[in-house]
Structure formats: structure tokens, C-alpha cells
Amino acid sequence: MVSAIEIRSERLLLRRAQPSDVDGLVELQTDPVVRTHLGGPRSRAEVQHFLSNGGTAAIALQPGTYVVDADGEFAGTIVLDRRAVDRPGHVLPQGDELELSYVLRQRFWGFGYASEAATAVLHAAASELPDQPVLLVTQTSNARSLALAARLGFVIRDSFVEYDAEQTLAVAEIRTFAERQV
């Protein structure tokens, strides 16, 4: 994973979660529009219970997990982690590839923040890790996420069903992000 505690881009700070992020984290999990392609909204009580039982601290300690901070405001989260080998959607026989995932609050959509955050975290990873594939998996019905994947240079490789929905698997090589401006 990426060892950096913070990653800066032109407009964003990718940082560890803090207790002040709780309201934003709750909103991400409970907003029905944000959660359209993520299995639907969770209940506020469920999310608050998770966060009050160490969730924010656990999020903050996971390598490769960042809050997307736009001008001091919680905009969303981005994660670069290993895709579990027991899940579908791999390009290597042994699985365990890097996987990029992100989610932003609605009011931060349409400003290029997801692209900027993804480029920044992948650029940081490219400076630390050997070349390897990076996966991006999204529901096939999520046209905005698929368009972002294409702009980032991910190539669609496969589709499969997970969580009762068709998923699209897109792949890029980590080295392609080494020279990108952040």
C-alpha cells in the first residue's frame, strides 16, 4: 500500500480520517443518491454505531485509505487496497491485485475531484510499489464511474456479477501514473 500519511494535489489534501469527519462519513453511507451503485443507503443508526465503536480510528489506521479534503472540507474517501482473493474480478491467477475505490459527497461531484484524488494516490503508489495491475471495479450501470475510469487510463477487461448486480472490471498498470502531474 501507500505509506504516505498525506498526499497533496493541486486542490486536494488526501489525509487520514479524523473524529471531525464523522458527519461526512455518515452522509456518504446514508445518502441514497451516493449509494445508488453501492448497494443502497445504510441506516444512520448503523453507521453511527460502527463509527462510535472505533470505526473512525480503524479507518484512519488502514494503509491506503484517505479522506479527500477539499479546502478543509470532507469531500469523500479514496482507498487503494488489495482486492480480496475470495472475491470475483481478478486479472492475475493468484488475485490480490491493487484495487482503487472512491466515493464523494454529492456536492463535490462534477469538479474533477475524484480524478484528481485518484491520480494523486496512484502517482504516490507508483513511486513506492513495483509495477503491477491496478483494478477498478464498478457497477456496469454506473456510467460516471466508467467514464472516470476511462479518463484515468483504465481499460475494461471483464464483467461479472457481485452483490446481485453486474460489475465491470477495468485495469491499468501502476507505472502509467508515475509521470502524471498531481
Protein backbone atom coordinates (compact mmCIF):
# COMPACT_ATOMS: atom_id res chain seq x y z
CA MET A 1 0.00 0.00 0.00
CA VAL A 2 0.92 3.65 0.00
CA SER A 3 2.88 4.65 3.09
CA ALA A 4 2.28 8.41 2.84
CA ILE A 5 0.19 9.81 5.68
CA GLU A 6 -0.81 12.75 3.48
CA ILE A 7 -0.82 13.27 -0.26
CA ARG A 8 -1.28 16.73 -1.76
CA SER A 9 -2.53 17.57 -5.22
CA GLU A 10 -3.29 20.92 -6.80
CA ARG A 11 -6.64 21.36 -5.00
CA LEU A 12 -6.88 18.45 -2.57
CA LEU A 13 -5.34 17.01 0.54
CA LEU A 14 -5.62 13.25 0.94
CA ARG A 15 -5.26 12.57 4.65
CA ARG A 16 -6.12 10.14 7.41
CA ALA A 17 -9.64 10.23 8.88
CA GLN A 18 -10.21 12.37 11.98
CA PRO A 19 -13.05 12.49 14.51
CA SER A 20 -14.32 15.67 12.80
CA ASP A 21 -15.04 13.58 9.67
CA VAL A 22 -17.87 11.61 11.30
CA ASP A 23 -20.70 13.70 9.79
CA GLY A 24 -19.23 13.35 6.31
CA LEU A 25 -18.68 9.62 6.73
CA VAL A 26 -22.28 9.20 7.89
CA GLU A 27 -23.54 11.20 4.91
CA LEU A 28 -21.54 9.05 2.46
CA GLN A 29 -23.10 5.88 3.84
CA THR A 30 -26.69 7.14 4.19
CA ASP A 31 -27.20 9.28 1.06
CA PRO A 32 -29.43 7.28 -1.32
CA VAL A 33 -28.05 9.02 -4.44
CA VAL A 34 -24.41 8.49 -3.46
CA ARG A 35 -25.17 4.86 -2.60
CA THR A 36 -27.14 4.13 -5.82
CA HIS A 37 -24.36 1.92 -7.22
CA LEU A 38 -23.02 0.82 -3.83
CA GLY A 39 -25.79 -1.40 -2.55
CA GLY A 40 -28.12 1.34 -1.36
CA PRO A 41 -28.04 3.54 1.72
CA ARG A 42 -27.30 2.24 5.17
CA SER A 43 -29.28 3.41 8.17
CA ARG A 44 -27.90 6.38 10.09
CA ALA A 45 -28.03 4.35 13.32
CA GLU A 46 -26.00 1.51 11.78
CA VAL A 47 -23.30 3.86 10.50
CA GLN A 48 -23.11 5.88 13.71
CA HIS A 49 -22.88 2.65 15.73
CA PHE A 50 -19.95 1.45 13.58
CA LEU A 51 -18.15 4.79 13.86
CA SER A 52 -18.74 5.09 17.61
CA ASN A 53 -17.23 1.63 18.11
CA GLY A 54 -13.83 2.57 16.76
CA GLY A 55 -14.72 2.96 13.11
CA THR A 56 -13.07 6.34 12.58
CA ALA A 57 -9.88 5.17 14.26
CA ALA A 58 -9.93 1.93 12.26
CA ILE A 59 -10.40 3.88 9.04
CA ALA A 60 -7.56 6.22 9.96
CA LEU A 61 -5.16 3.33 10.55
CA GLN A 62 -5.77 1.43 7.31
CA PRO A 63 -2.84 1.97 4.91
CA GLY A 64 -4.02 3.30 1.56
CA THR A 65 -7.24 4.77 2.99
CA TYR A 66 -7.62 8.54 2.73
CA VAL A 67 -10.17 11.25 3.31
CA VAL A 68 -10.47 13.55 0.31
CA ASP A 69 -10.24 17.05 1.80
CA ALA A 70 -11.22 19.98 -0.45
CA ASP A 71 -10.38 23.35 1.09
CA GLY A 72 -10.66 21.96 4.61
CA GLU A 73 -13.97 20.21 3.96
CA PHE A 74 -14.62 16.47 3.96
CA ALA A 75 -15.39 15.65 0.31
CA GLY A 76 -15.23 11.84 0.42
CA THR A 77 -12.87 8.90 0.67
CA ILE A 78 -10.44 7.11 -1.60
CA VAL A 79 -8.86 3.72 -0.97
CA LEU A 80 -6.02 1.85 -2.64
CA ASP A 81 -6.03 -1.64 -1.16
CA ARG A 82 -5.70 -5.28 -2.19
CA ARG A 83 -8.76 -6.95 -3.72
CA ALA A 84 -9.61 -9.97 -1.59
CA VAL A 85 -8.70 -13.20 -3.37
CA ASP A 86 -12.06 -14.78 -2.49
CA ARG A 87 -13.99 -12.12 -4.43
CA PRO A 88 -14.62 -12.31 -8.17
CA GLY A 89 -12.86 -9.91 -10.55
CA HIS A 90 -9.15 -10.56 -10.91
CA VAL A 91 -6.57 -10.41 -13.70
CA LEU A 92 -3.78 -12.36 -12.02
CA PRO A 93 -4.16 -16.10 -11.37
CA GLN A 94 -3.36 -15.62 -7.67
CA GLY A 95 -5.52 -12.48 -7.33
CA ASP A 96 -4.56 -9.98 -4.61
CA GLU A 97 -4.18 -7.07 -7.06
CA LEU A 98 -4.32 -3.44 -6.03
CA GLU A 99 -7.85 -2.03 -6.22
CA LEU A 100 -8.82 1.63 -6.35
CA SER A 101 -12.16 2.74 -4.93
CA TYR A 102 -13.58 6.16 -4.17
CA VAL A 103 -16.80 7.84 -3.12
CA LEU A 104 -17.56 11.55 -2.86
CA ARG A 105 -20.39 13.51 -1.29
CA GLN A 106 -22.88 14.73 -3.92
CA ARG A 107 -22.00 18.39 -3.64
CA PHE A 108 -18.42 17.56 -4.68
CA TRP A 109 -19.43 15.77 -7.89
CA GLY A 110 -18.61 17.34 -11.24
CA PHE A 111 -15.49 19.29 -10.23
CA GLY A 112 -12.87 16.68 -11.16
CA TYR A 113 -12.06 15.86 -7.54
CA ALA A 114 -12.38 12.08 -7.99
CA SER A 115 -10.00 12.18 -10.95
CA GLU A 116 -7.53 14.40 -9.10
CA ALA A 117 -7.62 12.26 -5.95
CA ALA A 118 -7.23 9.02 -7.94
CA THR A 119 -4.31 10.42 -9.92
CA ALA A 120 -2.63 11.63 -6.73
CA VAL A 121 -2.94 8.34 -4.84
CA LEU A 122 -1.87 6.27 -7.86
CA HIS A 123 1.08 8.60 -8.51
CA ALA A 124 2.19 8.14 -4.88
CA ALA A 125 1.78 4.37 -5.20
CA ALA A 126 3.77 4.29 -8.44
CA SER A 127 6.72 5.91 -6.65
CA GLU A 128 6.71 3.23 -3.91
CA LEU A 129 5.50 -0.01 -5.45
CA PRO A 130 6.76 -2.24 -8.26
CA ASP A 131 4.78 -2.18 -11.48
CA GLN A 132 1.59 -4.18 -11.18
CA PRO A 133 -2.01 -4.03 -12.28
CA VAL A 134 -4.50 -1.80 -10.51
CA LEU A 135 -8.16 -2.77 -10.63
CA LEU A 136 -11.17 -0.53 -10.64
CA VAL A 137 -14.49 -2.35 -10.18
CA THR A 138 -17.81 -0.56 -10.52
CA GLN A 139 -21.38 -1.44 -11.31
CA THR A 140 -21.82 -1.56 -15.08
CA SER A 141 -24.77 0.81 -14.67
CA ASN A 142 -22.50 3.48 -13.13
CA ALA A 143 -21.76 5.45 -16.29
CA ARG A 144 -20.00 8.29 -14.43
CA SER A 145 -17.54 5.94 -12.74
CA LEU A 146 -16.87 4.09 -16.00
CA ALA A 147 -16.20 7.42 -17.75
CA LEU A 148 -13.77 8.41 -14.99
CA ALA A 149 -12.01 5.06 -15.27
CA ALA A 150 -11.53 5.64 -19.00
CA ARG A 151 -10.21 9.19 -18.44
CA LEU A 152 -7.72 7.80 -15.93
CA GLY A 153 -6.50 5.26 -18.50
CA PHE A 154 -8.19 2.13 -17.16
CA VAL A 155 -9.20 -0.41 -19.80
CA ILE A 156 -12.29 -2.58 -19.42
CA ARG A 157 -11.22 -6.18 -19.08
CA ASP A 158 -14.24 -8.17 -17.90
CA SER A 159 -17.65 -8.16 -16.27
CA PHE A 160 -19.15 -10.38 -13.59
CA VAL A 161 -21.99 -10.43 -11.09
CA GLU A 162 -21.36 -9.48 -7.47
CA TYR A 163 -23.80 -8.07 -4.90
CA ASP A 164 -26.67 -9.02 -7.25
CA ALA A 165 -25.50 -6.54 -9.90
CA GLU A 166 -23.32 -6.67 -12.99
CA GLN A 167 -19.87 -5.26 -12.27
CA THR A 168 -17.29 -4.01 -14.75
CA LEU A 169 -13.61 -4.75 -14.13
CA ALA A 170 -11.18 -2.17 -15.52
CA VAL A 171 -7.38 -2.40 -15.31
CA ALA A 172 -4.40 -0.03 -15.54
CA GLU A 173 -0.71 -0.56 -14.82
CA ILE A 174 0.64 1.36 -11.84
CA ARG A 175 3.67 2.57 -13.83
CA THR A 176 1.42 4.70 -16.07
CA PHE A 177 0.80 7.02 -13.12
CA ALA A 178 4.47 7.60 -12.26
CA GLU A 179 4.91 10.56 -14.60
CA ARG A 180 1.49 12.16 -14.21
CA GLN A 181 1.24 15.63 -12.74
CA VAL A 182 -0.67 15.87 -9.47
